[in-house]
């Protein structure tokens, strides 16, 4: 997945019908690996909640660009950098 595809996915969470429900995207480094990051949009705060599954922490970001950068960084493998 490239940065533009991810940005489009996250922006879709901000508009109807997705903005009125809780959708969560989960990402792995590879198809065959466990998920490393999940993200959903908080309807009240309009912030992306990004759960870093490997590190056991959650980041909240209102800016889609920052959210995309964080997710790309976490799911990129060293070979693809």
C-alpha atoms as a PDB file:
ATOM      1  CA  UNK A   1       0.000   0.000   0.000  1.00  0.00           C
ATOM      2  CA  UNK A   2       1.324   3.404  -0.852  1.00  0.00           C
ATOM      3  CA  UNK A   3       0.981   6.707   0.955  1.00  0.00           C
ATOM      4  CA  UNK A   4      -1.773   8.035  -1.343  1.00  0.00           C
ATOM      5  CA  UNK A   5      -3.932   4.923  -0.868  1.00  0.00           C
ATOM      6  CA  UNK A   6      -3.570   5.139   2.898  1.00  0.00           C
ATOM      7  CA  UNK A   7      -4.371   8.855   2.895  1.00  0.00           C
ATOM      8  CA  UNK A   8      -7.545   8.183   0.880  1.00  0.00           C
ATOM      9  CA  UNK A   9      -8.603   5.434   3.303  1.00  0.00           C
ATOM     10  CA  UNK A  10      -8.174   7.686   6.332  1.00  0.00           C
ATOM     11  CA  UNK A  11      -9.937  10.632   4.703  1.00  0.00           C
ATOM     12  CA  UNK A  12     -12.897   8.364   3.917  1.00  0.00           C
ATOM     13  CA  UNK A  13     -13.323   7.806   7.655  1.00  0.00           C
ATOM     14  CA  UNK A  14     -14.139  11.511   8.032  1.00  0.00           C
ATOM     15  CA  UNK A  15     -17.195  11.516   5.717  1.00  0.00           C
ATOM     16  CA  UNK A  16     -20.575   9.794   5.674  1.00  0.00           C
ATOM     17  CA  UNK A  17     -21.410   6.971   5.937  1.00  0.00           C
ATOM     18  CA  UNK A  18     -18.115   6.065   7.647  1.00  0.00           C
ATOM     19  CA  UNK A  19     -18.022   9.053   9.998  1.00  0.00           C
ATOM     20  CA  UNK A  20     -21.226   7.951  11.718  1.00  0.00           C
ATOM     21  CA  UNK A  21     -19.889   4.526  12.704  1.00  0.00           C
ATOM     22  CA  UNK A  22     -16.712   3.133  14.206  1.00  0.00           C
ATOM     23  CA  UNK A  23     -14.520   1.529  11.563  1.00  0.00           C
ATOM     24  CA  UNK A  24     -11.087   0.240  12.402  1.00  0.00           C
ATOM     25  CA  UNK A  25      -8.331  -0.469   9.907  1.00  0.00           C
ATOM     26  CA  UNK A  26      -5.587  -2.876  10.920  1.00  0.00           C
ATOM     27  CA  UNK A  27      -2.195  -3.046   9.239  1.00  0.00           C
ATOM     28  CA  UNK A  28       0.640  -5.577   9.211  1.00  0.00           C
ATOM     29  CA  UNK A  29       4.128  -5.387   7.773  1.00  0.00           C
ATOM     30  CA  UNK A  30       3.387  -8.373   5.561  1.00  0.00           C
ATOM     31  CA  UNK A  31       0.293 -10.377   4.644  1.00  0.00           C
ATOM     32  CA  UNK A  32       1.564 -13.332   6.656  1.00  0.00           C
ATOM     33  CA  UNK A  33       2.477 -11.376   9.781  1.00  0.00           C
ATOM     34  CA  UNK A  34       0.548 -10.250  12.828  1.00  0.00           C
ATOM     35  CA  UNK A  35      -0.966  -6.756  12.807  1.00  0.00           C
ATOM     36  CA  UNK A  36       1.284  -3.981  14.112  1.00  0.00           C
ATOM     37  CA  UNK A  37      -1.025  -0.940  13.904  1.00  0.00           C
ATOM     38  CA  UNK A  38      -4.762  -0.268  14.004  1.00  0.00           C
ATOM     39  CA  UNK A  39      -6.517   3.060  13.444  1.00  0.00           C
ATOM     40  CA  UNK A  40     -10.000   4.487  13.866  1.00  0.00           C
ATOM     41  CA  UNK A  41     -11.501   7.985  13.844  1.00  0.00           C
ATOM     42  CA  UNK A  42     -13.026   9.240  17.090  1.00  0.00           C
ATOM     43  CA  UNK A  43     -16.355  10.801  16.094  1.00  0.00           C
ATOM     44  CA  UNK A  44     -16.355  13.324  18.946  1.00  0.00           C
ATOM     45  CA  UNK A  45     -12.793  14.618  18.778  1.00  0.00           C
ATOM     46  CA  UNK A  46     -12.289  14.008  15.030  1.00  0.00           C
ATOM     47  CA  UNK A  47      -8.866  12.581  15.875  1.00  0.00           C
ATOM     48  CA  UNK A  48      -7.337   9.416  14.494  1.00  0.00           C
ATOM     49  CA  UNK A  49      -6.558   6.960  17.280  1.00  0.00           C
ATOM     50  CA  UNK A  50      -3.599   4.885  16.201  1.00  0.00           C
ATOM     51  CA  UNK A  51      -2.876   1.878  18.365  1.00  0.00           C
ATOM     52  CA  UNK A  52       0.680   0.632  18.037  1.00  0.00           C
ATOM     53  CA  UNK A  53       0.062  -3.017  18.860  1.00  0.00           C
ATOM     54  CA  UNK A  54       3.750  -3.965  19.032  1.00  0.00           C
ATOM     55  CA  UNK A  55       4.698  -1.121  21.373  1.00  0.00           C
ATOM     56  CA  UNK A  56       1.460  -1.165  23.386  1.00  0.00           C
ATOM     57  CA  UNK A  57       0.688   2.527  23.039  1.00  0.00           C
ATOM     58  CA  UNK A  58      -1.905   4.754  21.394  1.00  0.00           C
ATOM     59  CA  UNK A  59      -1.319   8.012  19.536  1.00  0.00           C
ATOM     60  CA  UNK A  60      -4.084  10.532  18.782  1.00  0.00           C
ATOM     61  CA  UNK A  61      -3.626  12.687  15.700  1.00  0.00           C
ATOM     62  CA  UNK A  62      -6.022  15.175  14.133  1.00  0.00           C
ATOM     63  CA  UNK A  63      -3.921  15.666  11.024  1.00  0.00           C
ATOM     64  CA  UNK A  64      -4.287  12.986   8.346  1.00  0.00           C
ATOM     65  CA  UNK A  65      -0.746  13.620   7.054  1.00  0.00           C
ATOM     66  CA  UNK A  66       0.801  12.879  10.462  1.00  0.00           C
ATOM     67  CA  UNK A  67      -1.361   9.787  10.852  1.00  0.00           C
ATOM     68  CA  UNK A  68      -0.302   8.492   7.437  1.00  0.00           C
ATOM     69  CA  UNK A  69       3.382   9.122   8.186  1.00  0.00           C
ATOM     70  CA  UNK A  70       3.169   7.309  11.513  1.00  0.00           C
ATOM     71  CA  UNK A  71       1.408   4.275  10.016  1.00  0.00           C
ATOM     72  CA  UNK A  72       3.776   4.067   7.037  1.00  0.00           C
ATOM     73  CA  UNK A  73       6.773   4.235   9.384  1.00  0.00           C
ATOM     74  CA  UNK A  74       5.428   1.414  11.561  1.00  0.00           C
ATOM     75  CA  UNK A  75       4.440  -0.962   8.759  1.00  0.00           C
ATOM     76  CA  UNK A  76       7.457  -0.377   6.507  1.00  0.00           C
ATOM     77  CA  UNK A  77      10.043  -3.099   6.474  1.00  0.00           C
ATOM     78  CA  UNK A  78      13.711  -2.228   6.292  1.00  0.00           C
ATOM     79  CA  UNK A  79      13.841  -3.721   2.797  1.00  0.00           C
ATOM     80  CA  UNK A  80      11.191  -1.285   1.533  1.00  0.00           C
ATOM     81  CA  UNK A  81      12.774   1.865   2.993  1.00  0.00           C
END
